[in-house]
Amino acid sequence: MVQIKRKIAVIGAVLDNPKDCQSQFNDIVSDFKGVVKGRMGIPFDAEGVSVISIIVYGTLDEINSLTGKLGNIKGVNIKTSFSKKTIEI
């Protein structure tokens, strides 16, 4: 029996110009709906910035794939914080 190792993490994203990149950002997050457990976004309309936090639960490969794709979008800055605990199922 193969054990799958999963992590819990929070992805912090700052969209510097959300009107230009929010659609692409949302499409990628939707592609990973299996690992996304929660999401909160705060728009700073006057400043032209949006701040988004995404709670994820998945393998390191899944989480790294999501953060890599989001980080490749022009105008999106990403930081990820992982739990030290590994959950094996």
C-alpha atoms as a PDB file:
ATOM      1  CA  MET A   1       0.000   0.000   0.000  1.00  0.00           C
ATOM      2  CA  VAL A   2       1.439   3.332  -1.070  1.00  0.00           C
ATOM      3  CA  GLN A   3       1.210   6.161   1.435  1.00  0.00           C
ATOM      4  CA  ILE A   4       0.504   9.642   0.090  1.00  0.00           C
ATOM      5  CA  LYS A   5       2.174  12.497   1.955  1.00  0.00           C
ATOM      6  CA  ARG A   6       0.184  15.714   2.088  1.00  0.00           C
ATOM      7  CA  LYS A   7       0.779  19.152   3.523  1.00  0.00           C
ATOM      8  CA  ILE A   8      -1.375  22.055   4.616  1.00  0.00           C
ATOM      9  CA  ALA A   9      -0.227  25.447   3.381  1.00  0.00           C
ATOM     10  CA  VAL A  10      -1.344  29.005   2.852  1.00  0.00           C
ATOM     11  CA  ILE A  11      -0.558  30.809  -0.377  1.00  0.00           C
ATOM     12  CA  GLY A  12      -0.396  34.578  -0.187  1.00  0.00           C
ATOM     13  CA  ALA A  13      -0.871  36.439  -3.459  1.00  0.00           C
ATOM     14  CA  VAL A  14      -0.661  40.129  -4.291  1.00  0.00           C
ATOM     15  CA  LEU A  15      -2.086  41.128  -7.656  1.00  0.00           C
ATOM     16  CA  ASP A  16      -0.502  44.447  -8.596  1.00  0.00           C
ATOM     17  CA  ASN A  17      -2.947  45.143 -11.401  1.00  0.00           C
ATOM     18  CA  PRO A  18      -5.916  42.809 -10.893  1.00  0.00           C
ATOM     19  CA  LYS A  19      -7.867  44.021 -13.909  1.00  0.00           C
ATOM     20  CA  ASP A  20      -5.104  42.614 -16.129  1.00  0.00           C
ATOM     21  CA  CYS A  21      -4.446  39.296 -14.377  1.00  0.00           C
ATOM     22  CA  GLN A  22      -7.393  38.321 -12.181  1.00  0.00           C
ATOM     23  CA  SER A  23      -9.162  36.237 -14.824  1.00  0.00           C
ATOM     24  CA  GLN A  24      -6.071  34.133 -15.514  1.00  0.00           C
ATOM     25  CA  PHE A  25      -5.423  33.837 -11.752  1.00  0.00           C
ATOM     26  CA  ASN A  26      -8.985  32.610 -11.111  1.00  0.00           C
ATOM     27  CA  ASP A  27      -8.805  30.097 -13.970  1.00  0.00           C
ATOM     28  CA  ILE A  28      -5.655  28.525 -12.526  1.00  0.00           C
ATOM     29  CA  VAL A  29      -7.085  28.386  -8.996  1.00  0.00           C
ATOM     30  CA  SER A  30     -10.210  26.698 -10.420  1.00  0.00           C
ATOM     31  CA  ASP A  31      -8.010  24.074 -12.094  1.00  0.00           C
ATOM     32  CA  PHE A  32      -6.747  23.125  -8.620  1.00  0.00           C
ATOM     33  CA  LYS A  33     -10.123  22.980  -6.880  1.00  0.00           C
ATOM     34  CA  GLY A  34      -9.228  19.546  -5.493  1.00  0.00           C
ATOM     35  CA  VAL A  35      -6.489  20.992  -3.277  1.00  0.00           C
ATOM     36  CA  VAL A  36      -7.980  24.428  -2.551  1.00  0.00           C
ATOM     37  CA  LYS A  37      -9.877  24.361   0.737  1.00  0.00           C
ATOM     38  CA  GLY A  38     -10.540  28.064   1.228  1.00  0.00           C
ATOM     39  CA  ARG A  39      -9.918  31.451  -0.279  1.00  0.00           C
ATOM     40  CA  MET A  40     -10.230  35.052   0.857  1.00  0.00           C
ATOM     41  CA  GLY A  41      -9.639  38.104  -1.285  1.00  0.00           C
ATOM     42  CA  ILE A  42      -9.445  41.733  -0.278  1.00  0.00           C
ATOM     43  CA  PRO A  43      -9.612  44.309  -3.076  1.00  0.00           C
ATOM     44  CA  PHE A  44      -7.852  47.632  -2.665  1.00  0.00           C
ATOM     45  CA  ASP A  45      -9.707  49.313  -5.530  1.00  0.00           C
ATOM     46  CA  ALA A  46      -8.305  52.815  -5.051  1.00  0.00           C
ATOM     47  CA  GLU A  47      -4.764  51.441  -5.012  1.00  0.00           C
ATOM     48  CA  GLY A  48      -5.288  49.045  -7.939  1.00  0.00           C
ATOM     49  CA  VAL A  49      -4.184  46.015  -5.900  1.00  0.00           C
ATOM     50  CA  SER A  50      -5.851  42.820  -4.651  1.00  0.00           C
ATOM     51  CA  VAL A  51      -4.577  40.610  -1.830  1.00  0.00           C
ATOM     52  CA  ILE A  52      -5.641  36.963  -1.806  1.00  0.00           C
ATOM     53  CA  SER A  53      -4.973  34.119   0.615  1.00  0.00           C
ATOM     54  CA  ILE A  54      -5.596  30.523  -0.413  1.00  0.00           C
ATOM     55  CA  ILE A  55      -5.596  27.587   2.004  1.00  0.00           C
ATOM     56  CA  VAL A  56      -4.491  24.350   0.333  1.00  0.00           C
ATOM     57  CA  TYR A  57      -4.202  20.701   1.327  1.00  0.00           C
ATOM     58  CA  GLY A  58      -2.313  18.442  -1.048  1.00  0.00           C
ATOM     59  CA  THR A  59       0.960  16.845  -2.024  1.00  0.00           C
ATOM     60  CA  LEU A  60       4.058  18.981  -2.373  1.00  0.00           C
ATOM     61  CA  ASP A  61       3.907  18.460  -6.140  1.00  0.00           C
ATOM     62  CA  GLU A  62       0.305  19.697  -6.316  1.00  0.00           C
ATOM     63  CA  ILE A  63       0.951  22.757  -4.176  1.00  0.00           C
ATOM     64  CA  ASN A  64       4.198  23.617  -5.952  1.00  0.00           C
ATOM     65  CA  SER A  65       2.512  23.245  -9.320  1.00  0.00           C
ATOM     66  CA  LEU A  66      -0.229  25.673  -8.296  1.00  0.00           C
ATOM     67  CA  THR A  67       2.190  28.239  -6.862  1.00  0.00           C
ATOM     68  CA  GLY A  68       4.462  27.943  -9.887  1.00  0.00           C
ATOM     69  CA  LYS A  69       1.636  28.609 -12.333  1.00  0.00           C
ATOM     70  CA  LEU A  70       0.316  31.536 -10.278  1.00  0.00           C
ATOM     71  CA  GLY A  71       3.801  32.994  -9.895  1.00  0.00           C
ATOM     72  CA  ASN A  72       4.307  32.974 -13.661  1.00  0.00           C
ATOM     73  CA  ILE A  73       1.421  35.396 -14.219  1.00  0.00           C
ATOM     74  CA  LYS A  74       2.658  38.911 -14.897  1.00  0.00           C
ATOM     75  CA  GLY A  75       1.732  41.206 -11.998  1.00  0.00           C
ATOM     76  CA  VAL A  76       1.221  38.390  -9.457  1.00  0.00           C
ATOM     77  CA  ASN A  77       3.542  38.000  -6.451  1.00  0.00           C
ATOM     78  CA  ILE A  78       3.325  34.724  -4.512  1.00  0.00           C
ATOM     79  CA  LYS A  79       4.598  33.496  -1.142  1.00  0.00           C
ATOM     80  CA  THR A  80       3.752  30.133   0.384  1.00  0.00           C
ATOM     81  CA  SER A  81       3.966  28.970   3.978  1.00  0.00           C
ATOM     82  CA  PHE A  82       3.820  25.234   4.721  1.00  0.00           C
ATOM     83  CA  SER A  83       2.880  23.431   7.901  1.00  0.00           C
ATOM     84  CA  LYS A  84       5.809  21.475   9.322  1.00  0.00           C
ATOM     85  CA  LYS A  85       3.463  18.527   9.826  1.00  0.00           C
ATOM     86  CA  THR A  86       3.174  15.903   7.088  1.00  0.00           C
ATOM     87  CA  ILE A  87      -0.091  13.973   6.889  1.00  0.00           C
ATOM     88  CA  GLU A  88       0.180  10.446   5.504  1.00  0.00           C
ATOM     89  CA  ILE A  89      -2.838   8.659   4.090  1.00  0.00           C
END
